[in-house]
Amino acid sequence: MTEHVDRSEPEAGTAPAAAAVTPADAADAARLVAFGLQPKLLPARDQEYADLLRRYREDPPFARLADAVAAGLGLVVLEVSPRAGMAVTAAEDSVFAVRMGDYARRASTDSGDRFLHGLAHLAVAAMAFPRPEDLADDGYIGRVTVNGIDAFVRQACRRLEERAEQQGENTDPATDAPGLEAAWRIWARRSATGATKDARRLPGSTTGIVGKAVAFLTDSGFLQRTGDDSGGTYRTTARYQLQVRDMAGSAAMAELLELGVVPVTDGTPTLLPAEDTDDLELVADAGLPFHSS
């Protein structure tokens, strides 16, 4: 993590140590933010990027300038370090913000599937970092598989089904009903792979939806593909850990983890008894790393 440096103003009566900001300084700060917006670019592979990172960490006035450039673009700086580069995330009102509704419309012709796309992203995050200590450990690397994520959601759906039956609730709600349980019932009804002559998974199948989620996260620099087993295997990056850490306090993420599905290292999920929770609801546009509409 970046060490916080005291960037307070000099005391009255003392001359400022730093020179006035120049257009070249502003250009360098903007260049650093631009590097941060290229999620797959690592400082170790670009000397200019590495030099600007070093300047950020060693030159407080330049760091303040870069932070201001990012803030002006509606970006939040999560970390500046050699491992993550300049890791930024978009604020809700930023032009760079990606919304779950927009993502779902691009990924599917059925606008109602946004529930399922949101669940897929939440499930990836929960399986990648199932414990608070995993998020807190900078050296932790999460590993997930497409089939494992699908099985994770299906097990959680079965858990919700059992809970509803025990409580005498309606176990067959309308498919367009809002809320966490309705969304997961839709997932349970959906085919895992679909039916194709060459065994390819259909885009609208649940593994197809998970596949789109991990492909998006890979393109965004949050995951790295490591193999083809179990529908595709992936490992997390420092940027994804920072992103999930930033979003871990969301209600949807907490509700998902409360179901007690705990993955093991190969991405295969197991279901453990969960504590009683009431009124679990998932907003329509909830999903990492997105903002609601």
C-alpha atoms as a PDB file:
ATOM      1  CA  MET A   1       0.000   0.000   0.000  1.00  0.00           C
ATOM      2  CA  THR A   2       1.144   3.559  -0.599  1.00  0.00           C
ATOM      3  CA  GLU A   3       2.430   5.195   2.542  1.00  0.00           C
ATOM      4  CA  HIS A   4       0.569   8.390   3.306  1.00  0.00           C
ATOM      5  CA  VAL A   5       2.867  11.355   3.308  1.00  0.00           C
ATOM      6  CA  ASP A   6       2.185  14.545   5.244  1.00  0.00           C
ATOM      7  CA  ARG A   7       1.194  17.016   2.535  1.00  0.00           C
ATOM      8  CA  SER A   8      -0.036  19.775   4.826  1.00  0.00           C
ATOM      9  CA  GLU A   9       0.652  23.389   3.947  1.00  0.00           C
ATOM     10  CA  PRO A  10       3.804  24.986   5.400  1.00  0.00           C
ATOM     11  CA  GLU A  11       3.419  26.935   8.619  1.00  0.00           C
ATOM     12  CA  ALA A  12       2.890  30.672   8.406  1.00  0.00           C
ATOM     13  CA  GLY A  13       6.086  32.620   8.032  1.00  0.00           C
ATOM     14  CA  THR A  14       8.017  29.829   6.347  1.00  0.00           C
ATOM     15  CA  ALA A  15       8.802  29.830   2.662  1.00  0.00           C
ATOM     16  CA  PRO A  16       7.326  26.990   0.627  1.00  0.00           C
ATOM     17  CA  ALA A  17       9.976  24.444  -0.272  1.00  0.00           C
ATOM     18  CA  ALA A  18       8.387  23.387  -3.565  1.00  0.00           C
ATOM     19  CA  ALA A  19       8.533  25.417  -6.741  1.00  0.00           C
ATOM     20  CA  ALA A  20       5.386  26.598  -8.487  1.00  0.00           C
ATOM     21  CA  VAL A  21       3.533  24.035 -10.550  1.00  0.00           C
ATOM     22  CA  THR A  22       4.414  24.256 -14.229  1.00  0.00           C
ATOM     23  CA  PRO A  23       2.483  23.134 -17.315  1.00  0.00           C
ATOM     24  CA  ALA A  24       5.014  20.307 -17.635  1.00  0.00           C
ATOM     25  CA  ASP A  25       4.131  19.150 -14.114  1.00  0.00           C
ATOM     26  CA  ALA A  26       0.435  19.156 -14.984  1.00  0.00           C
ATOM     27  CA  ALA A  27       1.143  17.194 -18.145  1.00  0.00           C
ATOM     28  CA  ASP A  28       3.135  14.601 -16.207  1.00  0.00           C
ATOM     29  CA  ALA A  29       0.365  14.270 -13.616  1.00  0.00           C
ATOM     30  CA  ALA A  30      -2.229  13.781 -16.349  1.00  0.00           C
ATOM     31  CA  ARG A  31       0.069  11.258 -18.020  1.00  0.00           C
ATOM     32  CA  LEU A  32       0.260   9.254 -14.789  1.00  0.00           C
ATOM     33  CA  VAL A  33      -3.534   9.204 -14.505  1.00  0.00           C
ATOM     34  CA  ALA A  34      -3.712   8.100 -18.134  1.00  0.00           C
ATOM     35  CA  PHE A  35      -1.411   5.184 -17.305  1.00  0.00           C
ATOM     36  CA  GLY A  36      -3.736   4.331 -14.436  1.00  0.00           C
ATOM     37  CA  LEU A  37      -6.627   4.097 -16.863  1.00  0.00           C
ATOM     38  CA  GLN A  38      -4.812   1.312 -18.747  1.00  0.00           C
ATOM     39  CA  PRO A  39      -5.527  -1.536 -16.328  1.00  0.00           C
ATOM     40  CA  LYS A  40      -3.425  -4.177 -18.061  1.00  0.00           C
ATOM     41  CA  LEU A  41      -0.309  -2.000 -18.145  1.00  0.00           C
ATOM     42  CA  LEU A  42       2.179  -2.759 -15.377  1.00  0.00           C
ATOM     43  CA  PRO A  43       4.843  -0.282 -14.235  1.00  0.00           C
ATOM     44  CA  ALA A  44       7.502  -2.974 -14.579  1.00  0.00           C
ATOM     45  CA  ARG A  45       6.835  -3.042 -18.322  1.00  0.00           C
ATOM     46  CA  ASP A  46       6.934   0.716 -18.961  1.00  0.00           C
ATOM     47  CA  GLN A  47       9.838   2.856 -17.787  1.00  0.00           C
ATOM     48  CA  GLU A  48       7.952   6.160 -18.066  1.00  0.00           C
ATOM     49  CA  TYR A  49       5.128   4.763 -15.958  1.00  0.00           C
ATOM     50  CA  ALA A  50       7.606   3.514 -13.337  1.00  0.00           C
ATOM     51  CA  ASP A  51       9.369   6.899 -13.249  1.00  0.00           C
ATOM     52  CA  LEU A  52       6.094   8.771 -12.749  1.00  0.00           C
ATOM     53  CA  LEU A  53       5.073   6.371  -9.985  1.00  0.00           C
ATOM     54  CA  ARG A  54       8.381   6.972  -8.235  1.00  0.00           C
ATOM     55  CA  ARG A  55       7.873  10.714  -8.543  1.00  0.00           C
ATOM     56  CA  TYR A  56       4.382  10.404  -7.082  1.00  0.00           C
ATOM     57  CA  ARG A  57       5.712   8.529  -4.071  1.00  0.00           C
ATOM     58  CA  GLU A  58       8.698  10.822  -3.503  1.00  0.00           C
ATOM     59  CA  ASP A  59       7.314  14.246  -4.470  1.00  0.00           C
ATOM     60  CA  PRO A  60       4.266  15.264  -2.352  1.00  0.00           C
ATOM     61  CA  PRO A  61       3.340  18.350  -4.445  1.00  0.00           C
ATOM     62  CA  PHE A  62       3.319  16.205  -7.582  1.00  0.00           C
ATOM     63  CA  ALA A  63       1.240  13.574  -5.793  1.00  0.00           C
ATOM     64  CA  ARG A  64      -1.312  16.226  -4.817  1.00  0.00           C
ATOM     65  CA  LEU A  65      -1.411  17.428  -8.413  1.00  0.00           C
ATOM     66  CA  ALA A  66      -1.992  13.901  -9.764  1.00  0.00           C
ATOM     67  CA  ASP A  67      -4.706  13.310  -7.157  1.00  0.00           C
ATOM     68  CA  ALA A  68      -6.402  16.543  -8.252  1.00  0.00           C
ATOM     69  CA  VAL A  69      -6.297  15.518 -11.920  1.00  0.00           C
ATOM     70  CA  ALA A  70      -7.875  12.174 -11.028  1.00  0.00           C
ATOM     71  CA  ALA A  71     -10.533  13.836  -8.888  1.00  0.00           C
ATOM     72  CA  GLY A  72     -11.379  16.235 -11.698  1.00  0.00           C
ATOM     73  CA  LEU A  73     -12.073  13.235 -13.937  1.00  0.00           C
ATOM     74  CA  GLY A  74     -14.323  11.647 -11.325  1.00  0.00           C
ATOM     75  CA  LEU A  75     -11.743   9.017 -10.382  1.00  0.00           C
ATOM     76  CA  VAL A  76     -10.868   7.737  -6.922  1.00  0.00           C
ATOM     77  CA  VAL A  77      -7.245   6.738  -6.349  1.00  0.00           C
ATOM     78  CA  LEU A  78      -7.258   3.386  -4.531  1.00  0.00           C
ATOM     79  CA  GLU A  79      -3.521   2.829  -4.386  1.00  0.00           C
ATOM     80  CA  VAL A  80      -0.293   3.959  -5.973  1.00  0.00           C
ATOM     81  CA  SER A  81       2.379   1.284  -5.716  1.00  0.00           C
ATOM     82  CA  PRO A  82       4.742  -0.795  -7.838  1.00  0.00           C
ATOM     83  CA  ARG A  83       2.436  -3.837  -7.549  1.00  0.00           C
ATOM     84  CA  ALA A  84      -0.762  -2.101  -8.706  1.00  0.00           C
ATOM     85  CA  GLY A  85       0.472   0.988 -10.497  1.00  0.00           C
ATOM     86  CA  MET A  86      -1.904   3.916 -10.156  1.00  0.00           C
ATOM     87  CA  ALA A  87      -5.056   1.971  -9.356  1.00  0.00           C
ATOM     88  CA  VAL A  88      -8.148   4.107  -9.848  1.00  0.00           C
ATOM     89  CA  THR A  89     -11.857   3.452  -9.767  1.00  0.00           C
ATOM     90  CA  ALA A  90     -14.627   5.600 -11.173  1.00  0.00           C
ATOM     91  CA  ALA A  91     -16.881   7.558  -8.842  1.00  0.00           C
ATOM     92  CA  GLU A  92     -20.592   7.150  -9.392  1.00  0.00           C
ATOM     93  CA  ASP A  93     -20.890  10.407 -11.366  1.00  0.00           C
ATOM     94  CA  SER A  94     -17.741   9.863 -13.426  1.00  0.00           C
ATOM     95  CA  VAL A  95     -17.820   9.615 -17.197  1.00  0.00           C
ATOM     96  CA  PHE A  96     -15.720   6.453 -16.723  1.00  0.00           C
ATOM     97  CA  ALA A  97     -18.323   4.732 -14.522  1.00  0.00           C
ATOM     98  CA  VAL A  98     -19.739   1.472 -15.898  1.00  0.00           C
ATOM     99  CA  ARG A  99     -23.314   0.719 -14.856  1.00  0.00           C
ATOM    100  CA  MET A 100     -24.742  -2.730 -14.465  1.00  0.00           C
ATOM    101  CA  GLY A 101     -27.702  -1.920 -16.696  1.00  0.00           C
ATOM    102  CA  ASP A 102     -25.440  -0.777 -19.534  1.00  0.00           C
ATOM    103  CA  TYR A 103     -23.201  -3.826 -19.159  1.00  0.00           C
ATOM    104  CA  ALA A 104     -26.179  -6.205 -19.167  1.00  0.00           C
ATOM    105  CA  ARG A 105     -27.670  -4.580 -22.274  1.00  0.00           C
ATOM    106  CA  ARG A 106     -24.385  -5.034 -24.137  1.00  0.00           C
ATOM    107  CA  ALA A 107     -24.024  -8.613 -22.936  1.00  0.00           C
ATOM    108  CA  SER A 108     -27.586  -9.820 -23.445  1.00  0.00           C
ATOM    109  CA  THR A 109     -30.675  -9.081 -25.496  1.00  0.00           C
ATOM    110  CA  ASP A 110     -32.848  -9.709 -22.438  1.00  0.00           C
ATOM    111  CA  SER A 111     -32.792  -6.662 -20.159  1.00  0.00           C
ATOM    112  CA  GLY A 112     -34.157  -8.805 -17.336  1.00  0.00           C
ATOM    113  CA  ASP A 113     -30.883 -10.721 -17.281  1.00  0.00           C
ATOM    114  CA  ARG A 114     -29.188  -7.825 -15.506  1.00  0.00           C
ATOM    115  CA  PHE A 115     -30.053  -9.612 -12.246  1.00  0.00           C
ATOM    116  CA  LEU A 116     -28.092 -12.631 -13.416  1.00  0.00           C
ATOM    117  CA  HIS A 117     -25.123 -10.594 -14.639  1.00  0.00           C
ATOM    118  CA  GLY A 118     -25.011  -8.822 -11.281  1.00  0.00           C
ATOM    119  CA  LEU A 119     -25.070 -12.139  -9.459  1.00  0.00           C
ATOM    120  CA  ALA A 120     -22.224 -13.447 -11.611  1.00  0.00           C
ATOM    121  CA  HIS A 121     -19.989 -10.499 -10.704  1.00  0.00           C
ATOM    122  CA  LEU A 122     -20.875 -10.710  -7.031  1.00  0.00           C
ATOM    123  CA  ALA A 123     -20.157 -14.439  -7.040  1.00  0.00           C
ATOM    124  CA  VAL A 124     -16.739 -13.949  -8.680  1.00  0.00           C
ATOM    125  CA  ALA A 125     -15.794 -11.414  -5.996  1.00  0.00           C
ATOM    126  CA  ALA A 126     -17.083 -13.583  -3.151  1.00  0.00           C
ATOM    127  CA  MET A 127     -15.263 -16.692  -4.387  1.00  0.00           C
ATOM    128  CA  ALA A 128     -12.045 -14.808  -5.080  1.00  0.00           C
ATOM    129  CA  PHE A 129     -11.933 -13.215  -1.612  1.00  0.00           C
ATOM    130  CA  PRO A 130     -14.212 -15.192   0.712  1.00  0.00           C
ATOM    131  CA  ARG A 131     -12.683 -13.944   3.985  1.00  0.00           C
ATOM    132  CA  PRO A 132     -11.857 -10.442   5.263  1.00  0.00           C
ATOM    133  CA  GLU A 133      -8.246 -11.517   5.809  1.00  0.00           C
ATOM    134  CA  ASP A 134      -7.989 -12.417   2.118  1.00  0.00           C
ATOM    135  CA  LEU A 135      -8.895  -8.860   1.167  1.00  0.00           C
ATOM    136  CA  ALA A 136      -6.533  -7.417   3.767  1.00  0.00           C
ATOM    137  CA  ASP A 137      -3.526  -9.490   2.642  1.00  0.00           C
ATOM    138  CA  ASP A 138      -1.769  -7.712  -0.239  1.00  0.00           C
ATOM    139  CA  GLY A 139      -0.022 -10.958  -1.152  1.00  0.00           C
ATOM    140  CA  TYR A 140      -3.208 -13.024  -1.430  1.00  0.00           C
ATOM    141  CA  ILE A 141      -4.148 -14.278  -4.907  1.00  0.00           C
ATOM    142  CA  GLY A 142      -7.656 -15.608  -5.445  1.00  0.00           C
ATOM    143  CA  ARG A 143      -8.386 -18.325  -7.986  1.00  0.00           C
ATOM    144  CA  VAL A 144     -11.762 -19.042  -9.570  1.00  0.00           C
ATOM    145  CA  THR A 145     -13.237 -21.142 -12.364  1.00  0.00           C
ATOM    146  CA  VAL A 146     -16.295 -20.569 -14.526  1.00  0.00           C
ATOM    147  CA  ASN A 147     -17.888 -23.874 -13.546  1.00  0.00           C
ATOM    148  CA  GLY A 148     -17.037 -23.312  -9.898  1.00  0.00           C
ATOM    149  CA  ILE A 149     -18.765 -19.925  -9.871  1.00  0.00           C
ATOM    150  CA  ASP A 150     -21.874 -21.394 -11.486  1.00  0.00           C
ATOM    151  CA  ALA A 151     -21.925 -24.218  -8.926  1.00  0.00           C
ATOM    152  CA  PHE A 152     -21.457 -21.653  -6.145  1.00  0.00           C
ATOM    153  CA  VAL A 153     -24.581 -19.752  -7.174  1.00  0.00           C
ATOM    154  CA  ARG A 154     -26.606 -22.933  -7.684  1.00  0.00           C
ATOM    155  CA  GLN A 155     -25.697 -24.206  -4.228  1.00  0.00           C
ATOM    156  CA  ALA A 156     -26.676 -20.882  -2.724  1.00  0.00           C
ATOM    157  CA  CYS A 157     -29.960 -21.055  -4.611  1.00  0.00           C
ATOM    158  CA  ARG A 158     -30.640 -24.482  -3.152  1.00  0.00           C
ATOM    159  CA  ARG A 159     -29.906 -23.085   0.284  1.00  0.00           C
ATOM    160  CA  LEU A 160     -32.438 -20.312  -0.258  1.00  0.00           C
ATOM    161  CA  GLU A 161     -34.969 -22.840  -1.550  1.00  0.00           C
ATOM    162  CA  GLU A 162     -34.592 -24.946   1.591  1.00  0.00           C
ATOM    163  CA  ARG A 163     -34.938 -21.878   3.789  1.00  0.00           C
ATOM    164  CA  ALA A 164     -38.083 -20.746   2.004  1.00  0.00           C
ATOM    165  CA  GLU A 165     -39.658 -24.199   2.334  1.00  0.00           C
ATOM    166  CA  GLN A 166     -38.864 -24.320   6.050  1.00  0.00           C
ATOM    167  CA  GLN A 167     -40.463 -20.922   6.553  1.00  0.00           C
ATOM    168  CA  GLY A 168     -43.497 -21.791   4.438  1.00  0.00           C
ATOM    169  CA  GLU A 169     -42.778 -19.114   1.863  1.00  0.00           C
ATOM    170  CA  ASN A 170     -43.672 -19.181  -1.821  1.00  0.00           C
ATOM    171  CA  THR A 171     -40.972 -21.266  -3.487  1.00  0.00           C
ATOM    172  CA  ASP A 172     -42.030 -20.352  -7.010  1.00  0.00           C
ATOM    173  CA  PRO A 173     -42.163 -16.538  -7.216  1.00  0.00           C
ATOM    174  CA  ALA A 174     -42.767 -14.665 -10.439  1.00  0.00           C
ATOM    175  CA  THR A 175     -39.621 -14.466 -12.543  1.00  0.00           C
ATOM    176  CA  ASP A 176     -39.868 -10.686 -12.747  1.00  0.00           C
ATOM    177  CA  ALA A 177     -40.167 -10.236  -8.982  1.00  0.00           C
ATOM    178  CA  PRO A 178     -37.455  -8.044  -7.458  1.00  0.00           C
ATOM    179  CA  GLY A 179     -35.086  -9.249  -4.786  1.00  0.00           C
ATOM    180  CA  LEU A 180     -32.255 -11.645  -4.173  1.00  0.00           C
ATOM    181  CA  GLU A 181     -34.339 -14.830  -3.978  1.00  0.00           C
ATOM    182  CA  ALA A 182     -36.233 -14.134  -7.203  1.00  0.00           C
ATOM    183  CA  ALA A 183     -32.971 -13.491  -9.059  1.00  0.00           C
ATOM    184  CA  TRP A 184     -31.433 -16.709  -7.799  1.00  0.00           C
ATOM    185  CA  ARG A 185     -34.536 -18.724  -8.662  1.00  0.00           C
ATOM    186  CA  ILE A 186     -34.182 -17.427 -12.223  1.00  0.00           C
ATOM    187  CA  TRP A 187     -30.566 -18.632 -12.176  1.00  0.00           C
ATOM    188  CA  ALA A 188     -31.651 -22.093 -10.975  1.00  0.00           C
ATOM    189  CA  ARG A 189     -34.187 -22.396 -13.802  1.00  0.00           C
ATOM    190  CA  ARG A 190     -31.651 -21.361 -16.436  1.00  0.00           C
ATOM    191  CA  SER A 191     -29.625 -24.067 -18.173  1.00  0.00           C
ATOM    192  CA  ALA A 192     -25.993 -24.245 -17.123  1.00  0.00           C
ATOM    193  CA  THR A 193     -24.684 -24.576 -20.686  1.00  0.00           C
ATOM    194  CA  GLY A 194     -27.642 -24.579 -23.065  1.00  0.00           C
ATOM    195  CA  ALA A 195     -28.025 -27.022 -25.900  1.00  0.00           C
ATOM    196  CA  THR A 196     -25.701 -26.845 -28.901  1.00  0.00           C
ATOM    197  CA  LYS A 197     -24.581 -29.549 -31.289  1.00  0.00           C
ATOM    198  CA  ASP A 198     -20.892 -28.905 -30.592  1.00  0.00           C
ATOM    199  CA  ALA A 199     -21.254 -28.633 -26.788  1.00  0.00           C
ATOM    200  CA  ARG A 200     -20.521 -24.912 -26.755  1.00  0.00           C
ATOM    201  CA  ARG A 201     -22.145 -22.966 -23.934  1.00  0.00           C
ATOM    202  CA  LEU A 202     -24.868 -20.593 -25.020  1.00  0.00           C
ATOM    203  CA  PRO A 203     -24.466 -16.885 -24.173  1.00  0.00           C
ATOM    204  CA  GLY A 204     -27.711 -16.897 -22.188  1.00  0.00           C
ATOM    205  CA  SER A 205     -26.805 -19.970 -20.140  1.00  0.00           C
ATOM    206  CA  THR A 206     -25.501 -19.439 -16.633  1.00  0.00           C
ATOM    207  CA  THR A 207     -21.960 -20.507 -17.516  1.00  0.00           C
ATOM    208  CA  GLY A 208     -22.229 -18.232 -20.540  1.00  0.00           C
ATOM    209  CA  ILE A 209     -23.143 -15.331 -18.262  1.00  0.00           C
ATOM    210  CA  VAL A 210     -20.249 -16.170 -15.923  1.00  0.00           C
ATOM    211  CA  GLY A 211     -17.953 -16.439 -18.931  1.00  0.00           C
ATOM    212  CA  LYS A 212     -18.909 -12.915 -19.995  1.00  0.00           C
ATOM    213  CA  ALA A 213     -18.272 -11.644 -16.484  1.00  0.00           C
ATOM    214  CA  VAL A 214     -14.777 -13.104 -16.211  1.00  0.00           C
ATOM    215  CA  ALA A 215     -13.949 -12.006 -19.775  1.00  0.00           C
ATOM    216  CA  PHE A 216     -14.962  -8.445 -18.880  1.00  0.00           C
ATOM    217  CA  LEU A 217     -12.897  -8.583 -15.695  1.00  0.00           C
ATOM    218  CA  THR A 218      -9.924  -9.948 -17.637  1.00  0.00           C
ATOM    219  CA  ASP A 219     -10.187  -7.167 -20.236  1.00  0.00           C
ATOM    220  CA  SER A 220     -10.401  -4.666 -17.364  1.00  0.00           C
ATOM    221  CA  GLY A 221      -7.176  -5.924 -15.790  1.00  0.00           C
ATOM    222  CA  PHE A 222      -8.922  -7.461 -12.763  1.00  0.00           C
ATOM    223  CA  LEU A 223      -8.357 -11.137 -13.632  1.00  0.00           C
ATOM    224  CA  GLN A 224      -5.772 -13.115 -15.571  1.00  0.00           C
ATOM    225  CA  ARG A 225      -6.716 -16.286 -17.424  1.00  0.00           C
ATOM    226  CA  THR A 226      -4.503 -19.185 -16.409  1.00  0.00           C
ATOM    227  CA  GLY A 227      -6.069 -22.205 -18.134  1.00  0.00           C
ATOM    228  CA  ASP A 228      -9.056 -23.860 -19.764  1.00  0.00           C
ATOM    229  CA  ASP A 229     -10.027 -26.362 -17.062  1.00  0.00           C
ATOM    230  CA  SER A 230     -13.524 -26.177 -15.525  1.00  0.00           C
ATOM    231  CA  GLY A 231     -14.751 -23.782 -18.182  1.00  0.00           C
ATOM    232  CA  GLY A 232     -11.792 -21.456 -17.711  1.00  0.00           C
ATOM    233  CA  THR A 233      -9.516 -20.785 -14.731  1.00  0.00           C
ATOM    234  CA  TYR A 234      -8.530 -17.316 -13.546  1.00  0.00           C
ATOM    235  CA  ARG A 235      -6.399 -15.618 -10.914  1.00  0.00           C
ATOM    236  CA  THR A 236      -6.963 -12.224  -9.364  1.00  0.00           C
ATOM    237  CA  THR A 237      -4.769  -9.165  -9.812  1.00  0.00           C
ATOM    238  CA  ALA A 238      -3.832  -6.467  -7.315  1.00  0.00           C
ATOM    239  CA  ARG A 239      -6.301  -4.124  -9.001  1.00  0.00           C
ATOM    240  CA  TYR A 240      -9.188  -6.524  -8.480  1.00  0.00           C
ATOM    241  CA  GLN A 241      -8.319  -6.948  -4.822  1.00  0.00           C
ATOM    242  CA  LEU A 242      -8.361  -3.174  -4.420  1.00  0.00           C
ATOM    243  CA  GLN A 243     -11.654  -2.919  -6.312  1.00  0.00           C
ATOM    244  CA  VAL A 244     -13.367  -5.584  -4.204  1.00  0.00           C
ATOM    245  CA  ARG A 245     -11.865  -4.098  -1.039  1.00  0.00           C
ATOM    246  CA  ASP A 246     -13.407  -0.767  -1.989  1.00  0.00           C
ATOM    247  CA  MET A 247     -16.820  -2.353  -2.618  1.00  0.00           C
ATOM    248  CA  ALA A 248     -16.801  -4.988   0.129  1.00  0.00           C
ATOM    249  CA  GLY A 249     -19.022  -2.908   2.397  1.00  0.00           C
ATOM    250  CA  SER A 250     -21.920  -3.004  -0.057  1.00  0.00           C
ATOM    251  CA  ALA A 251     -25.128  -4.617   1.166  1.00  0.00           C
ATOM    252  CA  ALA A 252     -25.278  -7.032  -1.772  1.00  0.00           C
ATOM    253  CA  MET A 253     -21.759  -8.311  -1.130  1.00  0.00           C
ATOM    254  CA  ALA A 254     -22.474  -8.801   2.572  1.00  0.00           C
ATOM    255  CA  GLU A 255     -25.717 -10.646   1.858  1.00  0.00           C
ATOM    256  CA  LEU A 256     -23.994 -12.990  -0.564  1.00  0.00           C
ATOM    257  CA  LEU A 257     -21.264 -13.894   1.929  1.00  0.00           C
ATOM    258  CA  GLU A 258     -23.826 -14.433   4.690  1.00  0.00           C
ATOM    259  CA  LEU A 259     -25.168 -17.465   2.817  1.00  0.00           C
ATOM    260  CA  GLY A 260     -22.104 -19.399   3.963  1.00  0.00           C
ATOM    261  CA  VAL A 261     -20.795 -20.766   0.667  1.00  0.00           C
ATOM    262  CA  VAL A 262     -17.041 -21.060   1.086  1.00  0.00           C
ATOM    263  CA  PRO A 263     -14.762 -21.926  -1.863  1.00  0.00           C
ATOM    264  CA  VAL A 264     -11.571 -23.963  -1.649  1.00  0.00           C
ATOM    265  CA  THR A 265      -8.372 -23.262  -3.538  1.00  0.00           C
ATOM    266  CA  ASP A 266      -9.286 -25.020  -6.782  1.00  0.00           C
ATOM    267  CA  GLY A 267     -12.447 -22.954  -7.220  1.00  0.00           C
ATOM    268  CA  THR A 268     -14.792 -25.761  -6.169  1.00  0.00           C
ATOM    269  CA  PRO A 269     -17.440 -24.469  -3.728  1.00  0.00           C
ATOM    270  CA  THR A 270     -18.773 -26.172  -0.624  1.00  0.00           C
ATOM    271  CA  LEU A 271     -21.879 -25.189   1.280  1.00  0.00           C
ATOM    272  CA  LEU A 272     -21.739 -24.594   5.019  1.00  0.00           C
ATOM    273  CA  PRO A 273     -24.701 -23.839   7.312  1.00  0.00           C
ATOM    274  CA  ALA A 274     -25.450 -20.140   7.307  1.00  0.00           C
ATOM    275  CA  GLU A 275     -26.711 -18.040  10.146  1.00  0.00           C
ATOM    276  CA  ASP A 276     -30.331 -16.952   9.941  1.00  0.00           C
ATOM    277  CA  THR A 277     -30.738 -13.780   7.915  1.00  0.00           C
ATOM    278  CA  ASP A 278     -33.915 -11.953   7.086  1.00  0.00           C
ATOM    279  CA  ASP A 279     -35.085  -9.852   4.174  1.00  0.00           C
ATOM    280  CA  LEU A 280     -32.238 -10.638   1.807  1.00  0.00           C
ATOM    281  CA  GLU A 281     -32.717  -8.387  -1.192  1.00  0.00           C
ATOM    282  CA  LEU A 282     -30.512  -7.559  -4.138  1.00  0.00           C
ATOM    283  CA  VAL A 283     -31.098  -4.308  -5.972  1.00  0.00           C
ATOM    284  CA  ALA A 284     -31.572  -4.654  -9.708  1.00  0.00           C
ATOM    285  CA  ASP A 285     -28.259  -3.047 -10.668  1.00  0.00           C
ATOM    286  CA  ALA A 286     -26.056  -4.415  -7.897  1.00  0.00           C
ATOM    287  CA  GLY A 287     -22.833  -5.922  -9.145  1.00  0.00           C
ATOM    288  CA  LEU A 288     -19.088  -5.502  -8.912  1.00  0.00           C
ATOM    289  CA  PRO A 289     -17.438  -3.389 -10.180  1.00  0.00           C
ATOM    290  CA  PHE A 290     -20.487  -1.373 -11.260  1.00  0.00           C
ATOM    291  CA  HIS A 291     -22.580   1.508 -10.018  1.00  0.00           C
ATOM    292  CA  SER A 292     -26.345   1.443  -9.773  1.00  0.00           C
ATOM    293  CA  SER A 293     -28.296   3.479 -12.301  1.00  0.00           C
END
